[in-house]
Amino acid sequence: QAKWFKENNLMPSSLHMAYNTNLLPYFW
């Protein structure tokens, strides 16, 4: 997705995280 967004001059404005991931608490 990041590659396709860059190719088309799109910027991600929001990322919906998975609720069941163990990584989410470490994002910040």
PDB file of all heavy atoms in Angstrom:
ATOM      1  N   GLN A   1       0.831  -1.205   0.000  1.00  0.00           N
ATOM      2  CA  GLN A   1       0.000   0.000   0.000  1.00  0.00           C
ATOM      3  C   GLN A   1       0.864   1.253   0.000  1.00  0.00           C
ATOM      4  O   GLN A   1       0.587   2.199  -0.746  1.00  0.00           O
ATOM      5  CB  GLN A   1      -0.921   0.012   1.225  1.00  0.00           C
ATOM      6  CG  GLN A   1      -2.027  -1.010   1.158  1.00  0.00           C
ATOM      7  CD  GLN A   1      -2.887  -0.960   2.391  1.00  0.00           C
ATOM      8  OE1 GLN A   1      -3.347   0.107   2.786  1.00  0.00           O
ATOM      9  NE2 GLN A   1      -3.109  -2.101   3.015  1.00  0.00           N
ATOM     10  N   ALA A   2       1.908   1.272   0.817  1.00  0.00           N
ATOM     11  CA  ALA A   2       2.792   2.441   0.874  1.00  0.00           C
ATOM     12  C   ALA A   2       3.393   2.717  -0.498  1.00  0.00           C
ATOM     13  O   ALA A   2       3.467   3.874  -0.929  1.00  0.00           O
ATOM     14  CB  ALA A   2       3.887   2.219   1.906  1.00  0.00           C
ATOM     15  N   LYS A   3       3.785   1.672  -1.202  1.00  0.00           N
ATOM     16  CA  LYS A   3       4.352   1.828  -2.551  1.00  0.00           C
ATOM     17  C   LYS A   3       3.307   2.414  -3.495  1.00  0.00           C
ATOM     18  O   LYS A   3       3.586   3.362  -4.231  1.00  0.00           O
ATOM     19  CB  LYS A   3       4.833   0.476  -3.064  1.00  0.00           C
ATOM     20  CG  LYS A   3       5.411   0.526  -4.449  1.00  0.00           C
ATOM     21  CD  LYS A   3       5.804  -0.869  -4.922  1.00  0.00           C
ATOM     22  CE  LYS A   3       6.251  -0.789  -6.372  1.00  0.00           C
ATOM     23  NZ  LYS A   3       6.050  -1.997  -7.099  1.00  0.00           N
ATOM     24  N   TRP A   4       2.093   1.856  -3.489  1.00  0.00           N
ATOM     25  CA  TRP A   4       1.036   2.332  -4.384  1.00  0.00           C
ATOM     26  C   TRP A   4       0.629   3.756  -4.046  1.00  0.00           C
ATOM     27  O   TRP A   4       0.351   4.551  -4.937  1.00  0.00           O
ATOM     28  CB  TRP A   4      -0.172   1.407  -4.329  1.00  0.00           C
ATOM     29  CG  TRP A   4       0.130   0.009  -4.763  1.00  0.00           C
ATOM     30  CD1 TRP A   4       0.994  -0.381  -5.749  1.00  0.00           C
ATOM     31  CD2 TRP A   4      -0.415  -1.185  -4.223  1.00  0.00           C
ATOM     32  NE1 TRP A   4       1.011  -1.750  -5.854  1.00  0.00           N
ATOM     33  CE2 TRP A   4       0.153  -2.278  -4.925  1.00  0.00           C
ATOM     34  CE3 TRP A   4      -1.326  -1.462  -3.218  1.00  0.00           C
ATOM     35  CZ2 TRP A   4      -0.164  -3.594  -4.649  1.00  0.00           C
ATOM     36  CZ3 TRP A   4      -1.646  -2.781  -2.941  1.00  0.00           C
ATOM     37  CH2 TRP A   4      -1.064  -3.834  -3.663  1.00  0.00           C
ATOM     38  N   PHE A   5       0.589   4.090  -2.748  1.00  0.00           N
ATOM     39  CA  PHE A   5       0.235   5.449  -2.348  1.00  0.00           C
ATOM     40  C   PHE A   5       1.280   6.439  -2.870  1.00  0.00           C
ATOM     41  O   PHE A   5       0.937   7.486  -3.411  1.00  0.00           O
ATOM     42  CB  PHE A   5       0.113   5.570  -0.831  1.00  0.00           C
ATOM     43  CG  PHE A   5      -1.009   4.764  -0.231  1.00  0.00           C
ATOM     44  CD1 PHE A   5      -1.032   4.506   1.132  1.00  0.00           C
ATOM     45  CD2 PHE A   5      -2.036   4.235  -1.000  1.00  0.00           C
ATOM     46  CE1 PHE A   5      -2.052   3.762   1.705  1.00  0.00           C
ATOM     47  CE2 PHE A   5      -3.058   3.481  -0.439  1.00  0.00           C
ATOM     48  CZ  PHE A   5      -3.058   3.249   0.920  1.00  0.00           C
ATOM     49  N   LYS A   6       2.562   6.108  -2.719  1.00  0.00           N
ATOM     50  CA  LYS A   6       3.622   7.000  -3.210  1.00  0.00           C
ATOM     51  C   LYS A   6       3.546   7.162  -4.718  1.00  0.00           C
ATOM     52  O   LYS A   6       3.707   8.270  -5.238  1.00  0.00           O
ATOM     53  CB  LYS A   6       4.993   6.459  -2.806  1.00  0.00           C
ATOM     54  CG  LYS A   6       5.306   6.666  -1.352  1.00  0.00           C
ATOM     55  CD  LYS A   6       6.657   6.080  -0.997  1.00  0.00           C
ATOM     56  CE  LYS A   6       6.880   6.163   0.506  1.00  0.00           C
ATOM     57  NZ  LYS A   6       8.124   5.503   0.914  1.00  0.00           N
ATOM     58  N   GLU A   7       3.310   6.064  -5.428  1.00  0.00           N
ATOM     59  CA  GLU A   7       3.219   6.120  -6.893  1.00  0.00           C
ATOM     60  C   GLU A   7       2.082   7.025  -7.361  1.00  0.00           C
ATOM     61  O   GLU A   7       2.131   7.579  -8.459  1.00  0.00           O
ATOM     62  CB  GLU A   7       2.993   4.719  -7.464  1.00  0.00           C
ATOM     63  CG  GLU A   7       4.178   3.799  -7.370  1.00  0.00           C
ATOM     64  CD  GLU A   7       3.868   2.370  -7.793  1.00  0.00           C
ATOM     65  OE1 GLU A   7       2.694   2.037  -8.069  1.00  0.00           O
ATOM     66  OE2 GLU A   7       4.814   1.577  -7.831  1.00  0.00           O
ATOM     67  N   ASN A   8       1.056   7.168  -6.523  1.00  0.00           N
ATOM     68  CA  ASN A   8      -0.128   7.939  -6.906  1.00  0.00           C
ATOM     69  C   ASN A   8      -0.297   9.221  -6.104  1.00  0.00           C
ATOM     70  O   ASN A   8      -1.383   9.802  -6.080  1.00  0.00           O
ATOM     71  CB  ASN A   8      -1.369   7.049  -6.771  1.00  0.00           C
ATOM     72  CG  ASN A   8      -1.370   5.958  -7.813  1.00  0.00           C
ATOM     73  OD1 ASN A   8      -1.660   6.210  -8.974  1.00  0.00           O
ATOM     74  ND2 ASN A   8      -1.018   4.741  -7.419  1.00  0.00           N
ATOM     75  N   ASN A   9       0.770   9.662  -5.465  1.00  0.00           N
ATOM     76  CA  ASN A   9       0.756  10.909  -4.690  1.00  0.00           C
ATOM     77  C   ASN A   9      -0.353  10.951  -3.653  1.00  0.00           C
ATOM     78  O   ASN A   9      -1.012  11.979  -3.470  1.00  0.00           O
ATOM     79  CB  ASN A   9       0.668  12.120  -5.623  1.00  0.00           C
ATOM     80  CG  ASN A   9       1.846  12.207  -6.552  1.00  0.00           C
ATOM     81  OD1 ASN A   9       2.987  12.062  -6.120  1.00  0.00           O
ATOM     82  ND2 ASN A   9       1.588  12.412  -7.823  1.00  0.00           N
ATOM     83  N   LEU A  10      -0.560   9.843  -2.976  1.00  0.00           N
ATOM     84  CA  LEU A  10      -1.542   9.770  -1.898  1.00  0.00           C
ATOM     85  C   LEU A  10      -0.817   9.716  -0.562  1.00  0.00           C
ATOM     86  O   LEU A  10       0.235   9.086  -0.453  1.00  0.00           O
ATOM     87  CB  LEU A  10      -2.417   8.518  -2.044  1.00  0.00           C
ATOM     88  CG  LEU A  10      -3.313   8.464  -3.269  1.00  0.00           C
ATOM     89  CD1 LEU A  10      -3.928   7.082  -3.421  1.00  0.00           C
ATOM     90  CD2 LEU A  10      -4.399   9.522  -3.172  1.00  0.00           C
ATOM     91  N   MET A  11      -1.387  10.359   0.424  1.00  0.00           N
ATOM     92  CA  MET A  11      -0.816  10.339   1.770  1.00  0.00           C
ATOM     93  C   MET A  11      -1.775   9.610   2.700  1.00  0.00           C
ATOM     94  O   MET A  11      -2.973   9.892   2.684  1.00  0.00           O
ATOM     95  CB  MET A  11      -0.630  11.769   2.293  1.00  0.00           C
ATOM     96  CG  MET A  11       0.426  12.561   1.564  1.00  0.00           C
ATOM     97  SD  MET A  11       2.082  11.953   1.855  1.00  0.00           S
ATOM     98  CE  MET A  11       2.235  12.180   3.605  1.00  0.00           C
ATOM     99  N   PRO A  12      -1.260   8.679   3.500  1.00  0.00           N
ATOM    100  CA  PRO A  12      -2.134   8.068   4.501  1.00  0.00           C
ATOM    101  C   PRO A  12      -2.485   9.106   5.560  1.00  0.00           C
ATOM    102  O   PRO A  12      -1.603   9.799   6.056  1.00  0.00           O
ATOM    103  CB  PRO A  12      -1.307   6.930   5.090  1.00  0.00           C
ATOM    104  CG  PRO A  12       0.017   6.968   4.447  1.00  0.00           C
ATOM    105  CD  PRO A  12       0.066   8.120   3.489  1.00  0.00           C
ATOM    106  N   SER A  13      -3.752   9.237   5.859  1.00  0.00           N
ATOM    107  CA  SER A  13      -4.149  10.206   6.881  1.00  0.00           C
ATOM    108  C   SER A  13      -4.498   9.530   8.187  1.00  0.00           C
ATOM    109  O   SER A  13      -4.499  10.160   9.228  1.00  0.00           O
ATOM    110  CB  SER A  13      -5.348  11.026   6.401  1.00  0.00           C
ATOM    111  OG  SER A  13      -6.464  10.182   6.211  1.00  0.00           O
ATOM    112  N   SER A  14      -4.766   8.247   8.103  1.00  0.00           N
ATOM    113  CA  SER A  14      -5.146   7.511   9.303  1.00  0.00           C
ATOM    114  C   SER A  14      -4.881   6.035   9.072  1.00  0.00           C
ATOM    115  O   SER A  14      -5.039   5.530   7.964  1.00  0.00           O
ATOM    116  CB  SER A  14      -6.635   7.737   9.588  1.00  0.00           C
ATOM    117  OG  SER A  14      -7.016   7.061  10.753  1.00  0.00           O
ATOM    118  N   LEU A  15      -4.476   5.358  10.134  1.00  0.00           N
ATOM    119  CA  LEU A  15      -4.192   3.933  10.063  1.00  0.00           C
ATOM    120  C   LEU A  15      -5.016   3.236  11.129  1.00  0.00           C
ATOM    121  O   LEU A  15      -4.845   3.493  12.313  1.00  0.00           O
ATOM    122  CB  LEU A  15      -2.700   3.686  10.285  1.00  0.00           C
ATOM    123  CG  LEU A  15      -2.215   2.261  10.237  1.00  0.00           C
ATOM    124  CD1 LEU A  15      -2.454   1.660   8.856  1.00  0.00           C
ATOM    125  CD2 LEU A  15      -0.732   2.203  10.581  1.00  0.00           C
ATOM    126  N   HIS A  16      -5.917   2.396  10.690  1.00  0.00           N
ATOM    127  CA  HIS A  16      -6.765   1.663  11.623  1.00  0.00           C
ATOM    128  C   HIS A  16      -5.998   0.440  12.092  1.00  0.00           C
ATOM    129  O   HIS A  16      -5.706  -0.462  11.319  1.00  0.00           O
ATOM    130  CB  HIS A  16      -8.063   1.239  10.930  1.00  0.00           C
ATOM    131  CG  HIS A  16      -9.084   0.736  11.881  1.00  0.00           C
ATOM    132  ND1 HIS A  16      -9.044  -0.535  12.395  1.00  0.00           N
ATOM    133  CD2 HIS A  16     -10.162   1.333  12.422  1.00  0.00           C
ATOM    134  CE1 HIS A  16     -10.070  -0.698  13.204  1.00  0.00           C
ATOM    135  NE2 HIS A  16     -10.759   0.421  13.244  1.00  0.00           N
ATOM    136  N   MET A  17      -5.646   0.416  13.362  1.00  0.00           N
ATOM    137  CA  MET A  17      -4.865  -0.683  13.915  1.00  0.00           C
ATOM    138  C   MET A  17      -5.765  -1.878  14.232  1.00  0.00           C
ATOM    139  O   MET A  17      -6.940  -1.719  14.527  1.00  0.00           O
ATOM    140  CB  MET A  17      -4.156  -0.240  15.197  1.00  0.00           C
ATOM    141  CG  MET A  17      -3.204   0.922  15.001  1.00  0.00           C
ATOM    142  SD  MET A  17      -1.810   0.532  13.946  1.00  0.00           S
ATOM    143  CE  MET A  17      -0.920  -0.590  14.979  1.00  0.00           C
ATOM    144  N   ALA A  18      -5.174  -3.046  14.194  1.00  0.00           N
ATOM    145  CA  ALA A  18      -5.889  -4.261  14.589  1.00  0.00           C
ATOM    146  C   ALA A  18      -6.107  -4.225  16.098  1.00  0.00           C
ATOM    147  O   ALA A  18      -5.227  -3.806  16.848  1.00  0.00           O
ATOM    148  CB  ALA A  18      -5.086  -5.489  14.204  1.00  0.00           C
ATOM    149  N   TYR A  19      -7.252  -4.652  16.539  1.00  0.00           N
ATOM    150  CA  TYR A  19      -7.560  -4.624  17.960  1.00  0.00           C
ATOM    151  C   TYR A  19      -6.852  -5.731  18.733  1.00  0.00           C
ATOM    152  O   TYR A  19      -6.631  -5.628  19.909  1.00  0.00           O
ATOM    153  CB  TYR A  19      -9.064  -4.764  18.186  1.00  0.00           C
ATOM    154  CG  TYR A  19      -9.835  -3.572  17.738  1.00  0.00           C
ATOM    155  CD1 TYR A  19     -10.604  -3.612  16.589  1.00  0.00           C
ATOM    156  CD2 TYR A  19      -9.784  -2.387  18.452  1.00  0.00           C
ATOM    157  CE1 TYR A  19     -11.317  -2.506  16.165  1.00  0.00           C
ATOM    158  CE2 TYR A  19     -10.493  -1.268  18.035  1.00  0.00           C
ATOM    159  CZ  TYR A  19     -11.259  -1.343  16.897  1.00  0.00           C
ATOM    160  OH  TYR A  19     -11.954  -0.257  16.482  1.00  0.00           O
ATOM    161  N   ASN A  20      -6.498  -6.804  18.053  1.00  0.00           N
ATOM    162  CA  ASN A  20      -5.955  -7.957  18.756  1.00  0.00           C
ATOM    163  C   ASN A  20      -4.438  -8.051  18.680  1.00  0.00           C
ATOM    164  O   ASN A  20      -3.871  -9.067  18.990  1.00  0.00           O
ATOM    165  CB  ASN A  20      -6.570  -9.240  18.200  1.00  0.00           C
ATOM    166  CG  ASN A  20      -6.334  -9.380  16.712  1.00  0.00           C
ATOM    167  OD1 ASN A  20      -5.798  -8.494  16.074  1.00  0.00           O
ATOM    168  ND2 ASN A  20      -6.740 -10.494  16.141  1.00  0.00           N
ATOM    169  N   THR A  21      -3.773  -7.005  18.311  1.00  0.00           N
ATOM    170  CA  THR A  21      -2.325  -7.069  18.168  1.00  0.00           C
ATOM    171  C   THR A  21      -1.618  -6.809  19.494  1.00  0.00           C
ATOM    172  O   THR A  21      -2.060  -6.004  20.300  1.00  0.00           O
ATOM    173  CB  THR A  21      -1.819  -6.086  17.098  1.00  0.00           C
ATOM    174  OG1 THR A  21      -0.417  -6.234  16.987  1.00  0.00           O
ATOM    175  CG2 THR A  21      -2.136  -4.654  17.447  1.00  0.00           C
ATOM    176  N   ASN A  22      -0.524  -7.499  19.688  1.00  0.00           N
ATOM    177  CA  ASN A  22       0.290  -7.275  20.886  1.00  0.00           C
ATOM    178  C   ASN A  22       1.206  -6.078  20.724  1.00  0.00           C
ATOM    179  O   ASN A  22       1.771  -5.598  21.700  1.00  0.00           O
ATOM    180  CB  ASN A  22       1.128  -8.520  21.180  1.00  0.00           C
ATOM    181  CG  ASN A  22       0.277  -9.699  21.569  1.00  0.00           C
ATOM    182  OD1 ASN A  22      -0.788  -9.540  22.150  1.00  0.00           O
ATOM    183  ND2 ASN A  22       0.730 -10.888  21.245  1.00  0.00           N
ATOM    184  N   LEU A  23       1.377  -5.598  19.500  1.00  0.00           N
ATOM    185  CA  LEU A  23       2.280  -4.481  19.242  1.00  0.00           C
ATOM    186  C   LEU A  23       1.649  -3.119  19.514  1.00  0.00           C
ATOM    187  O   LEU A  23       2.348  -2.151  19.758  1.00  0.00           O
ATOM    188  CB  LEU A  23       2.755  -4.515  17.791  1.00  0.00           C
ATOM    189  CG  LEU A  23       3.570  -5.726  17.370  1.00  0.00           C
ATOM    190  CD1 LEU A  23       3.888  -5.650  15.882  1.00  0.00           C
ATOM    191  CD2 LEU A  23       4.845  -5.830  18.180  1.00  0.00           C
ATOM    192  N   LEU A  24       0.349  -3.027  19.455  1.00  0.00           N
ATOM    193  CA  LEU A  24      -0.336  -1.740  19.560  1.00  0.00           C
ATOM    194  C   LEU A  24       0.097  -0.909  20.768  1.00  0.00           C
ATOM    195  O   LEU A  24       0.353   0.283  20.627  1.00  0.00           O
ATOM    196  CB  LEU A  24      -1.850  -1.942  19.554  1.00  0.00           C
ATOM    197  CG  LEU A  24      -2.699  -0.683  19.546  1.00  0.00           C
ATOM    198  CD1 LEU A  24      -2.355   0.187  18.345  1.00  0.00           C
ATOM    199  CD2 LEU A  24      -4.164  -1.033  19.535  1.00  0.00           C
ATOM    200  N   PRO A  25       0.237  -1.486  21.976  1.00  0.00           N
ATOM    201  CA  PRO A  25       0.632  -0.646  23.114  1.00  0.00           C
ATOM    202  C   PRO A  25       2.021  -0.034  22.979  1.00  0.00           C
ATOM    203  O   PRO A  25       2.350   0.922  23.667  1.00  0.00           O
ATOM    204  CB  PRO A  25       0.600  -1.608  24.302  1.00  0.00           C
ATOM    205  CG  PRO A  25      -0.203  -2.768  23.866  1.00  0.00           C
ATOM    206  CD  PRO A  25      -0.072  -2.848  22.380  1.00  0.00           C
ATOM    207  N   TYR A  26       2.839  -0.570  22.090  1.00  0.00           N
ATOM    208  CA  TYR A  26       4.211  -0.086  21.935  1.00  0.00           C
ATOM    209  C   TYR A  26       4.371   0.954  20.837  1.00  0.00           C
ATOM    210  O   TYR A  26       5.458   1.469  20.629  1.00  0.00           O
ATOM    211  CB  TYR A  26       5.146  -1.275  21.655  1.00  0.00           C
ATOM    212  CG  TYR A  26       5.148  -2.268  22.779  1.00  0.00           C
ATOM    213  CD1 TYR A  26       4.429  -3.450  22.671  1.00  0.00           C
ATOM    214  CD2 TYR A  26       5.825  -2.020  23.962  1.00  0.00           C
ATOM    215  CE1 TYR A  26       4.412  -4.361  23.710  1.00  0.00           C
ATOM    216  CE2 TYR A  26       5.813  -2.922  25.004  1.00  0.00           C
ATOM    217  CZ  TYR A  26       5.105  -4.092  24.868  1.00  0.00           C
ATOM    218  OH  TYR A  26       5.075  -4.979  25.903  1.00  0.00           O
ATOM    219  N   PHE A  27       3.312   1.267  20.141  1.00  0.00           N
ATOM    220  CA  PHE A  27       3.393   2.192  19.009  1.00  0.00           C
ATOM    221  C   PHE A  27       3.983   3.539  19.410  1.00  0.00           C
ATOM    222  O   PHE A  27       4.745   4.134  18.669  1.00  0.00           O
ATOM    223  CB  PHE A  27       2.002   2.373  18.402  1.00  0.00           C
ATOM    224  CG  PHE A  27       2.021   3.092  17.083  1.00  0.00           C
ATOM    225  CD1 PHE A  27       2.325   2.407  15.924  1.00  0.00           C
ATOM    226  CD2 PHE A  27       1.736   4.440  16.995  1.00  0.00           C
ATOM    227  CE1 PHE A  27       2.345   3.050  14.695  1.00  0.00           C
ATOM    228  CE2 PHE A  27       1.757   5.096  15.777  1.00  0.00           C
ATOM    229  CZ  PHE A  27       2.068   4.394  14.621  1.00  0.00           C
ATOM    230  N   TRP A  28       3.665   4.032  20.595  1.00  0.00           N
ATOM    231  CA  TRP A  28       4.104   5.355  21.029  1.00  0.00           C
ATOM    232  C   TRP A  28       5.324   5.300  21.936  1.00  0.00           C
ATOM    233  O   TRP A  28       5.767   6.319  22.425  1.00  0.00           O
ATOM    234  CB  TRP A  28       2.966   6.073  21.757  1.00  0.00           C
ATOM    235  CG  TRP A  28       1.841   6.354  20.839  1.00  0.00           C
ATOM    236  CD1 TRP A  28       1.699   7.462  20.046  1.00  0.00           C
ATOM    237  CD2 TRP A  28       0.712   5.539  20.568  1.00  0.00           C
ATOM    238  NE1 TRP A  28       0.547   7.378  19.303  1.00  0.00           N
ATOM    239  CE2 TRP A  28      -0.089   6.197  19.608  1.00  0.00           C
ATOM    240  CE3 TRP A  28       0.272   4.304  21.025  1.00  0.00           C
ATOM    241  CZ2 TRP A  28      -1.272   5.674  19.115  1.00  0.00           C
ATOM    242  CZ3 TRP A  28      -0.907   3.780  20.534  1.00  0.00           C
ATOM    243  CH2 TRP A  28      -1.664   4.464  19.591  1.00  0.00           C
TER     244      TRP A  28
END
